[in-house]
Amino acid sequence: MARLYSKKHGKAKSRKPPLEAVSIPSDAPTKEQIEALIVQYAKQGLDPALIGEKLKKEHNVPYIKHMLGERLTAFLDRKGFKGAVPSDMMILMKKAVKMHEHAERNHQDQHNKTSLHRVESKIWRLTKYYRKEGVLPKDWKYDPKEAALLIKGSL
């Protein structure tokens, strides 16, 4: 956050420790075991955030990138578990679909309408970013009805 009088922005942010400083627990699984667990969880249909959370909590893996040498999403892409839509956008679209269903049943819920507008704004912002980066096709566009069909098909 910017300082009030100095026009400087500060250095506060989350930083992961360097690879040399990370102490790997003795009961942590090996690289091959971690890869097998990731593939197993991906086949169950878990998104990358949940896979990372399970590995940290249940299998005592401190940092996946340090253990694998690459990011979790890059590993999943290499193994063929890449979805049509990135996982962060899919999570937002699921939330928007639920909010649309709620809005159809409850017309007077103004808080839901405001929240829905905010979630869809995030989706549109991510859409612009992913189209620019080449992750999504240039003509891809968010449509709530198509998103509902996509969400129903992925469950």
N, C-alpha and C. Protein backbone atom coordinates (compact mmCIF):
# COMPACT_ATOMS: atom_id res chain seq x y z
N MET A 1 0.84 -1.17 0.00
CA MET A 1 0.00 0.00 0.00
C MET A 1 0.88 1.23 0.00
N ALA A 2 0.45 2.27 -0.67
CA ALA A 2 1.24 3.49 -0.78
C ALA A 2 1.28 4.24 0.54
N ARG A 3 2.41 4.89 0.78
CA ARG A 3 2.56 5.71 1.97
C ARG A 3 1.85 7.04 1.75
N LEU A 4 1.47 7.67 2.83
CA LEU A 4 0.65 8.87 2.73
C LEU A 4 1.43 10.07 2.22
N TYR A 5 2.69 10.26 2.69
CA TYR A 5 3.41 11.48 2.36
C TYR A 5 4.66 11.27 1.52
N SER A 6 5.14 10.04 1.36
CA SER A 6 6.44 9.83 0.72
C SER A 6 6.36 9.37 -0.73
N LYS A 7 5.20 9.07 -1.26
CA LYS A 7 5.00 8.58 -2.64
C LYS A 7 5.73 7.27 -2.90
N LYS A 8 6.01 6.49 -1.87
CA LYS A 8 6.64 5.19 -2.01
C LYS A 8 5.61 4.11 -1.72
N HIS A 9 5.88 2.93 -2.19
CA HIS A 9 4.89 1.86 -2.07
C HIS A 9 5.22 0.79 -1.04
N GLY A 10 6.40 0.74 -0.50
CA GLY A 10 6.73 -0.23 0.51
C GLY A 10 7.07 -1.59 -0.06
N LYS A 11 7.42 -2.53 0.81
CA LYS A 11 7.88 -3.84 0.37
C LYS A 11 7.06 -4.98 0.95
N ALA A 12 5.97 -4.71 1.60
CA ALA A 12 5.21 -5.75 2.29
C ALA A 12 4.54 -6.68 1.30
N LYS A 13 4.92 -7.94 1.33
CA LYS A 13 4.26 -8.97 0.54
C LYS A 13 4.71 -10.34 1.04
N SER A 14 4.04 -11.35 0.62
CA SER A 14 4.36 -12.70 1.03
C SER A 14 5.49 -13.23 0.16
N ARG A 15 6.52 -13.74 0.79
CA ARG A 15 7.65 -14.31 0.05
C ARG A 15 7.90 -15.72 0.56
N LYS A 16 8.08 -16.64 -0.36
CA LYS A 16 8.43 -18.00 0.03
C LYS A 16 9.93 -18.05 0.29
N PRO A 17 10.35 -18.91 1.22
CA PRO A 17 11.78 -19.00 1.50
C PRO A 17 12.52 -19.62 0.32
N PRO A 18 13.80 -19.31 0.17
CA PRO A 18 14.57 -19.93 -0.92
C PRO A 18 14.69 -21.43 -0.71
N LEU A 19 14.99 -22.13 -1.78
CA LEU A 19 15.03 -23.58 -1.75
C LEU A 19 16.03 -24.09 -0.72
N GLU A 20 17.14 -23.39 -0.55
CA GLU A 20 18.16 -23.84 0.39
C GLU A 20 17.68 -23.74 1.84
N ALA A 21 16.79 -22.78 2.11
CA ALA A 21 16.33 -22.56 3.48
C ALA A 21 15.17 -23.46 3.88
N VAL A 22 14.56 -24.15 2.92
CA VAL A 22 13.41 -25.00 3.23
C VAL A 22 13.91 -26.32 3.81
N SER A 23 13.42 -26.64 4.99
CA SER A 23 13.75 -27.93 5.59
C SER A 23 12.63 -28.91 5.26
N ILE A 24 12.97 -29.93 4.55
CA ILE A 24 11.98 -30.93 4.15
C ILE A 24 11.82 -31.94 5.29
N PRO A 25 10.60 -32.14 5.75
CA PRO A 25 10.40 -33.09 6.86
C PRO A 25 10.81 -34.51 6.47
N SER A 26 11.21 -35.27 7.46
CA SER A 26 11.68 -36.63 7.19
C SER A 26 10.55 -37.55 6.72
N ASP A 27 9.32 -37.24 7.13
CA ASP A 27 8.20 -38.10 6.73
C ASP A 27 7.52 -37.62 5.45
N ALA A 28 8.11 -36.64 4.77
CA ALA A 28 7.53 -36.14 3.51
C ALA A 28 7.73 -37.19 2.41
N PRO A 29 6.78 -37.32 1.51
CA PRO A 29 6.92 -38.30 0.42
C PRO A 29 7.98 -37.87 -0.59
N THR A 30 8.45 -38.82 -1.37
CA THR A 30 9.45 -38.53 -2.40
C THR A 30 8.78 -37.87 -3.61
N LYS A 31 9.59 -37.45 -4.55
CA LYS A 31 9.06 -36.78 -5.74
C LYS A 31 8.12 -37.70 -6.52
N GLU A 32 8.49 -38.97 -6.67
CA GLU A 32 7.66 -39.91 -7.42
C GLU A 32 6.33 -40.16 -6.70
N GLN A 33 6.36 -40.23 -5.38
CA GLN A 33 5.13 -40.42 -4.62
C GLN A 33 4.22 -39.20 -4.73
N ILE A 34 4.83 -38.01 -4.72
CA ILE A 34 4.04 -36.78 -4.85
C ILE A 34 3.39 -36.74 -6.22
N GLU A 35 4.13 -37.10 -7.27
CA GLU A 35 3.56 -37.11 -8.62
C GLU A 35 2.40 -38.09 -8.71
N ALA A 36 2.54 -39.26 -8.10
CA ALA A 36 1.47 -40.25 -8.12
C ALA A 36 0.24 -39.74 -7.37
N LEU A 37 0.46 -39.06 -6.23
CA LEU A 37 -0.67 -38.51 -5.48
C LEU A 37 -1.39 -37.42 -6.27
N ILE A 38 -0.62 -36.58 -6.95
CA ILE A 38 -1.22 -35.49 -7.73
C ILE A 38 -2.08 -36.07 -8.85
N VAL A 39 -1.56 -37.08 -9.55
CA VAL A 39 -2.32 -37.70 -10.63
C VAL A 39 -3.58 -38.37 -10.08
N GLN A 40 -3.46 -39.02 -8.93
CA GLN A 40 -4.61 -39.67 -8.31
C GLN A 40 -5.69 -38.65 -7.95
N TYR A 41 -5.30 -37.52 -7.35
CA TYR A 41 -6.27 -36.49 -6.98
C TYR A 41 -6.86 -35.82 -8.21
N ALA A 42 -6.07 -35.66 -9.27
CA ALA A 42 -6.59 -35.04 -10.49
C ALA A 42 -7.61 -35.97 -11.15
N LYS A 43 -7.39 -37.28 -11.09
CA LYS A 43 -8.36 -38.22 -11.65
C LYS A 43 -9.67 -38.21 -10.86
N GLN A 44 -9.60 -37.86 -9.58
CA GLN A 44 -10.80 -37.75 -8.77
C GLN A 44 -11.58 -36.48 -9.09
N GLY A 45 -10.95 -35.56 -9.84
CA GLY A 45 -11.64 -34.34 -10.25
C GLY A 45 -11.39 -33.14 -9.36
N LEU A 46 -10.37 -33.19 -8.51
CA LEU A 46 -10.06 -32.05 -7.65
C LEU A 46 -9.34 -30.98 -8.45
N ASP A 47 -9.61 -29.72 -8.12
CA ASP A 47 -8.90 -28.63 -8.80
C ASP A 47 -7.54 -28.43 -8.13
N PRO A 48 -6.61 -27.71 -8.79
CA PRO A 48 -5.25 -27.57 -8.27
C PRO A 48 -5.16 -27.01 -6.86
N ALA A 49 -6.04 -26.09 -6.50
CA ALA A 49 -6.00 -25.52 -5.16
C ALA A 49 -6.27 -26.58 -4.10
N LEU A 50 -7.25 -27.44 -4.35
CA LEU A 50 -7.57 -28.50 -3.39
C LEU A 50 -6.48 -29.58 -3.35
N ILE A 51 -5.87 -29.83 -4.50
CA ILE A 51 -4.77 -30.81 -4.53
C ILE A 51 -3.62 -30.31 -3.67
N GLY A 52 -3.26 -29.03 -3.84
CA GLY A 52 -2.19 -28.46 -3.04
C GLY A 52 -2.49 -28.46 -1.56
N GLU A 53 -3.73 -28.16 -1.23
CA GLU A 53 -4.14 -28.14 0.17
C GLU A 53 -4.06 -29.54 0.78
N LYS A 54 -4.52 -30.55 0.05
CA LYS A 54 -4.46 -31.93 0.56
C LYS A 54 -3.02 -32.38 0.74
N LEU A 55 -2.15 -32.03 -0.21
CA LEU A 55 -0.76 -32.44 -0.10
C LEU A 55 -0.10 -31.80 1.12
N LYS A 56 -0.43 -30.55 1.39
CA LYS A 56 0.17 -29.88 2.55
C LYS A 56 -0.35 -30.43 3.86
N LYS A 57 -1.66 -30.62 3.94
CA LYS A 57 -2.25 -31.03 5.22
C LYS A 57 -2.12 -32.51 5.49
N GLU A 58 -2.39 -33.35 4.51
CA GLU A 58 -2.44 -34.79 4.75
C GLU A 58 -1.09 -35.49 4.54
N HIS A 59 -0.26 -34.96 3.63
CA HIS A 59 0.96 -35.67 3.28
C HIS A 59 2.23 -34.92 3.67
N ASN A 60 2.07 -33.77 4.34
CA ASN A 60 3.20 -33.03 4.90
C ASN A 60 4.21 -32.58 3.83
N VAL A 61 3.70 -32.08 2.71
CA VAL A 61 4.55 -31.55 1.64
C VAL A 61 4.61 -30.04 1.83
N PRO A 62 5.80 -29.46 2.15
CA PRO A 62 5.85 -28.03 2.45
C PRO A 62 5.57 -27.15 1.23
N TYR A 63 6.35 -27.30 0.16
CA TYR A 63 6.18 -26.50 -1.05
C TYR A 63 6.25 -27.43 -2.26
N ILE A 64 5.18 -27.48 -3.02
CA ILE A 64 5.11 -28.40 -4.15
C ILE A 64 6.13 -28.03 -5.22
N LYS A 65 6.29 -26.73 -5.46
CA LYS A 65 7.22 -26.29 -6.48
C LYS A 65 8.65 -26.69 -6.13
N HIS A 66 9.01 -26.63 -4.86
CA HIS A 66 10.36 -27.03 -4.45
C HIS A 66 10.56 -28.53 -4.63
N MET A 67 9.51 -29.30 -4.40
CA MET A 67 9.63 -30.75 -4.49
C MET A 67 9.62 -31.24 -5.94
N LEU A 68 8.75 -30.64 -6.78
CA LEU A 68 8.62 -31.09 -8.16
C LEU A 68 9.57 -30.40 -9.13
N GLY A 69 9.96 -29.18 -8.80
CA GLY A 69 10.77 -28.41 -9.72
C GLY A 69 9.95 -27.60 -10.70
N GLU A 70 8.62 -27.67 -10.59
CA GLU A 70 7.72 -26.90 -11.44
C GLU A 70 6.43 -26.66 -10.67
N ARG A 71 5.65 -25.74 -11.17
CA ARG A 71 4.38 -25.43 -10.51
C ARG A 71 3.38 -26.56 -10.70
N LEU A 72 2.42 -26.62 -9.79
CA LEU A 72 1.43 -27.70 -9.83
C LEU A 72 0.61 -27.65 -11.11
N THR A 73 0.19 -26.46 -11.53
CA THR A 73 -0.61 -26.37 -12.76
C THR A 73 0.21 -26.76 -13.99
N ALA A 74 1.49 -26.42 -14.00
CA ALA A 74 2.35 -26.83 -15.12
C ALA A 74 2.50 -28.34 -15.16
N PHE A 75 2.62 -28.96 -13.99
CA PHE A 75 2.72 -30.42 -13.92
C PHE A 75 1.42 -31.06 -14.42
N LEU A 76 0.27 -30.53 -13.99
CA LEU A 76 -1.01 -31.08 -14.43
C LEU A 76 -1.20 -30.90 -15.94
N ASP A 77 -0.77 -29.76 -16.48
CA ASP A 77 -0.86 -29.55 -17.93
C ASP A 77 -0.01 -30.56 -18.67
N ARG A 78 1.19 -30.82 -18.15
CA ARG A 78 2.09 -31.76 -18.80
C ARG A 78 1.54 -33.18 -18.75
N LYS A 79 0.82 -33.52 -17.69
CA LYS A 79 0.25 -34.87 -17.56
C LYS A 79 -1.10 -35.01 -18.28
N GLY A 80 -1.62 -33.92 -18.85
CA GLY A 80 -2.85 -34.02 -19.63
C GLY A 80 -4.12 -33.74 -18.86
N PHE A 81 -4.03 -33.05 -17.74
CA PHE A 81 -5.21 -32.73 -16.95
C PHE A 81 -5.61 -31.27 -17.09
N LYS A 82 -5.33 -30.70 -18.24
CA LYS A 82 -5.66 -29.30 -18.47
C LYS A 82 -7.12 -29.19 -18.89
N GLY A 83 -7.86 -28.32 -18.23
CA GLY A 83 -9.26 -28.12 -18.56
C GLY A 83 -9.43 -27.13 -19.69
N ALA A 84 -10.65 -27.02 -20.17
CA ALA A 84 -10.93 -26.06 -21.23
C ALA A 84 -10.83 -24.63 -20.72
N VAL A 85 -11.15 -24.46 -19.43
CA VAL A 85 -11.12 -23.14 -18.79
C VAL A 85 -10.20 -23.25 -17.59
N PRO A 86 -9.36 -22.25 -17.31
CA PRO A 86 -8.49 -22.30 -16.13
C PRO A 86 -9.29 -22.47 -14.85
N SER A 87 -8.67 -23.08 -13.85
CA SER A 87 -9.38 -23.46 -12.64
C SER A 87 -9.89 -22.26 -11.85
N ASP A 88 -9.13 -21.15 -11.81
CA ASP A 88 -9.62 -20.01 -11.05
C ASP A 88 -10.86 -19.41 -11.68
N MET A 89 -10.91 -19.40 -13.00
CA MET A 89 -12.09 -18.90 -13.69
C MET A 89 -13.26 -19.87 -13.52
N MET A 90 -12.98 -21.16 -13.51
CA MET A 90 -14.04 -22.15 -13.33
C MET A 90 -14.68 -22.01 -11.95
N ILE A 91 -13.88 -21.74 -10.93
CA ILE A 91 -14.42 -21.55 -9.58
C ILE A 91 -15.34 -20.34 -9.55
N LEU A 92 -14.90 -19.24 -10.18
CA LEU A 92 -15.74 -18.04 -10.23
C LEU A 92 -17.02 -18.28 -11.02
N MET A 93 -16.93 -19.06 -12.09
CA MET A 93 -18.12 -19.34 -12.89
C MET A 93 -19.10 -20.21 -12.10
N LYS A 94 -18.62 -21.16 -11.31
CA LYS A 94 -19.50 -21.96 -10.46
C LYS A 94 -20.23 -21.07 -9.47
N LYS A 95 -19.49 -20.13 -8.89
CA LYS A 95 -20.11 -19.20 -7.94
C LYS A 95 -21.17 -18.36 -8.63
N ALA A 96 -20.88 -17.88 -9.84
CA ALA A 96 -21.83 -17.05 -10.57
C ALA A 96 -23.09 -17.84 -10.95
N VAL A 97 -22.91 -19.10 -11.32
CA VAL A 97 -24.06 -19.93 -11.68
C VAL A 97 -24.97 -20.12 -10.46
N LYS A 98 -24.39 -20.37 -9.30
CA LYS A 98 -25.19 -20.52 -8.08
C LYS A 98 -25.92 -19.22 -7.75
N MET A 99 -25.25 -18.09 -7.96
CA MET A 99 -25.88 -16.80 -7.68
C MET A 99 -27.01 -16.51 -8.66
N HIS A 100 -26.85 -16.90 -9.93
CA HIS A 100 -27.93 -16.73 -10.90
C HIS A 100 -29.16 -17.56 -10.50
N GLU A 101 -28.91 -18.80 -10.08
CA GLU A 101 -30.03 -19.65 -9.65
C GLU A 101 -30.73 -19.05 -8.44
N HIS A 102 -29.95 -18.50 -7.52
CA HIS A 102 -30.54 -17.87 -6.34
C HIS A 102 -31.34 -16.62 -6.74
N ALA A 103 -30.82 -15.86 -7.70
CA ALA A 103 -31.49 -14.62 -8.12
C ALA A 103 -32.82 -14.93 -8.82
N GLU A 104 -32.89 -16.06 -9.53
CA GLU A 104 -34.15 -16.44 -10.18
C GLU A 104 -35.24 -16.78 -9.16
N ARG A 105 -34.83 -17.37 -8.04
CA ARG A 105 -35.80 -17.72 -7.00
C ARG A 105 -36.13 -16.54 -6.09
N ASN A 106 -35.17 -15.65 -5.87
CA ASN A 106 -35.32 -14.55 -4.92
C ASN A 106 -35.08 -13.22 -5.64
N HIS A 107 -36.11 -12.66 -6.20
CA HIS A 107 -35.97 -11.46 -7.02
C HIS A 107 -35.60 -10.22 -6.21
N GLN A 108 -35.95 -10.18 -4.94
CA GLN A 108 -35.73 -8.99 -4.13
C GLN A 108 -34.36 -8.95 -3.44
N ASP A 109 -33.56 -9.96 -3.62
CA ASP A 109 -32.27 -10.03 -2.92
C ASP A 109 -31.26 -9.11 -3.60
N GLN A 110 -31.16 -7.89 -3.10
CA GLN A 110 -30.25 -6.90 -3.70
C GLN A 110 -28.79 -7.22 -3.40
N HIS A 111 -28.52 -7.81 -2.25
CA HIS A 111 -27.13 -8.15 -1.92
C HIS A 111 -26.59 -9.20 -2.88
N ASN A 112 -27.43 -10.14 -3.24
CA ASN A 112 -27.02 -11.16 -4.19
C ASN A 112 -26.74 -10.55 -5.56
N LYS A 113 -27.56 -9.60 -5.97
CA LYS A 113 -27.34 -8.95 -7.27
C LYS A 113 -26.02 -8.20 -7.28
N THR A 114 -25.70 -7.52 -6.18
CA THR A 114 -24.44 -6.80 -6.09
C THR A 114 -23.27 -7.77 -6.11
N SER A 115 -23.37 -8.84 -5.35
CA SER A 115 -22.31 -9.84 -5.33
C SER A 115 -22.13 -10.51 -6.68
N LEU A 116 -23.24 -10.78 -7.35
CA LEU A 116 -23.17 -11.38 -8.68
C LEU A 116 -22.47 -10.45 -9.66
N HIS A 117 -22.77 -9.18 -9.57
CA HIS A 117 -22.11 -8.21 -10.44
C HIS A 117 -20.60 -8.19 -10.20
N ARG A 118 -20.20 -8.26 -8.94
CA ARG A 118 -18.78 -8.27 -8.61
C ARG A 118 -18.08 -9.53 -9.12
N VAL A 119 -18.73 -10.67 -8.95
CA VAL A 119 -18.13 -11.93 -9.42
C VAL A 119 -18.01 -11.93 -10.94
N GLU A 120 -19.05 -11.46 -11.63
CA GLU A 120 -18.98 -11.42 -13.08
C GLU A 120 -17.94 -10.42 -13.56
N SER A 121 -17.73 -9.34 -12.83
CA SER A 121 -16.66 -8.40 -13.18
C SER A 121 -15.30 -9.07 -13.09
N LYS A 122 -15.11 -9.90 -12.06
CA LYS A 122 -13.85 -10.64 -11.94
C LYS A 122 -13.68 -11.61 -13.10
N ILE A 123 -14.77 -12.25 -13.49
CA ILE A 123 -14.70 -13.19 -14.62
C ILE A 123 -14.32 -12.46 -15.90
N TRP A 124 -14.93 -11.30 -16.14
CA TRP A 124 -14.61 -10.55 -17.37
C TRP A 124 -13.16 -10.07 -17.35
N ARG A 125 -12.68 -9.66 -16.18
CA ARG A 125 -11.29 -9.21 -16.08
C ARG A 125 -10.34 -10.37 -16.36
N LEU A 126 -10.63 -11.54 -15.78
CA LEU A 126 -9.81 -12.72 -16.05
C LEU A 126 -9.88 -13.14 -17.51
N THR A 127 -11.06 -12.99 -18.10
CA THR A 127 -11.22 -13.34 -19.51
C THR A 127 -10.30 -12.50 -20.38
N LYS A 128 -10.26 -11.22 -20.12
CA LYS A 128 -9.36 -10.35 -20.89
C LYS A 128 -7.91 -10.78 -20.72
N TYR A 129 -7.51 -11.10 -19.50
CA TYR A 129 -6.14 -11.51 -19.23
C TYR A 129 -5.81 -12.81 -19.96
N TYR A 130 -6.68 -13.82 -19.83
CA TYR A 130 -6.39 -15.11 -20.43
C TYR A 130 -6.44 -15.07 -21.96
N ARG A 131 -7.28 -14.21 -22.54
CA ARG A 131 -7.26 -14.06 -23.99
C ARG A 131 -5.95 -13.41 -24.44
N LYS A 132 -5.49 -12.44 -23.68
CA LYS A 132 -4.24 -11.76 -24.02
C LYS A 132 -3.05 -12.71 -23.90
N GLU A 133 -3.07 -13.61 -22.91
CA GLU A 133 -1.98 -14.55 -22.69
C GLU A 133 -2.06 -15.77 -23.61
N GLY A 134 -3.18 -15.96 -24.30
CA GLY A 134 -3.32 -17.08 -25.22
C GLY A 134 -3.84 -18.35 -24.57
N VAL A 135 -4.28 -18.28 -23.32
CA VAL A 135 -4.83 -19.45 -22.65
C VAL A 135 -6.22 -19.76 -23.19
N LEU A 136 -7.00 -18.72 -23.43
CA LEU A 136 -8.33 -18.86 -24.02
C LEU A 136 -8.29 -18.35 -25.46
N PRO A 137 -9.15 -18.87 -26.33
CA PRO A 137 -9.21 -18.36 -27.70
C PRO A 137 -9.61 -16.89 -27.73
N LYS A 138 -9.20 -16.18 -28.77
CA LYS A 138 -9.48 -14.74 -28.88
C LYS A 138 -10.97 -14.44 -28.93
N ASP A 139 -11.77 -15.37 -29.44
CA ASP A 139 -13.21 -15.13 -29.57
C ASP A 139 -14.02 -15.69 -28.38
N TRP A 140 -13.35 -16.19 -27.33
CA TRP A 140 -14.06 -16.75 -26.18
C TRP A 140 -14.72 -15.63 -25.41
N LYS A 141 -15.96 -15.85 -25.01
CA LYS A 141 -16.71 -14.84 -24.29
C LYS A 141 -17.51 -15.51 -23.18
N TYR A 142 -17.58 -14.85 -22.03
CA TYR A 142 -18.35 -15.39 -20.91
C TYR A 142 -19.83 -15.13 -21.15
N ASP A 143 -20.61 -16.20 -21.05
CA ASP A 143 -22.06 -16.10 -21.14
C ASP A 143 -22.62 -16.93 -19.98
N PRO A 144 -23.47 -16.34 -19.14
CA PRO A 144 -23.98 -17.07 -17.98
C PRO A 144 -24.69 -18.38 -18.31
N LYS A 145 -25.42 -18.42 -19.42
CA LYS A 145 -26.14 -19.65 -19.77
C LYS A 145 -25.18 -20.74 -20.24
N GLU A 146 -24.18 -20.34 -21.02
CA GLU A 146 -23.18 -21.32 -21.44
C GLU A 146 -22.34 -21.78 -20.27
N ALA A 147 -22.08 -20.87 -19.32
CA ALA A 147 -21.32 -21.23 -18.13
C ALA A 147 -22.09 -22.26 -17.31
N ALA A 148 -23.41 -22.11 -17.23
CA ALA A 148 -24.23 -23.08 -16.50
C ALA A 148 -24.13 -24.45 -17.16
N LEU A 149 -24.17 -24.49 -18.48
CA LEU A 149 -24.04 -25.77 -19.18
C LEU A 149 -22.65 -26.36 -18.99
N LEU A 150 -21.64 -25.51 -19.02
CA LEU A 150 -20.27 -25.99 -18.83
C LEU A 150 -20.08 -26.56 -17.41
N ILE A 151 -20.65 -25.89 -16.43
CA ILE A 151 -20.54 -26.33 -15.03
C ILE A 151 -21.29 -27.66 -14.85
N LYS A 152 -22.49 -27.76 -15.42
CA LYS A 152 -23.26 -29.01 -15.30
C LYS A 152 -22.55 -30.17 -15.98
N GLY A 153 -21.87 -29.88 -17.09
CA GLY A 153 -21.14 -30.92 -17.79
C GLY A 153 -19.90 -31.38 -17.09
N SER A 154 -19.28 -30.51 -16.27
CA SER A 154 -18.05 -30.87 -15.60
C SER A 154 -18.30 -31.63 -14.30
N LEU A 155 -19.54 -31.61 -13.80
CA LEU A 155 -19.83 -32.31 -12.53
C LEU A 155 -20.07 -33.77 -12.72
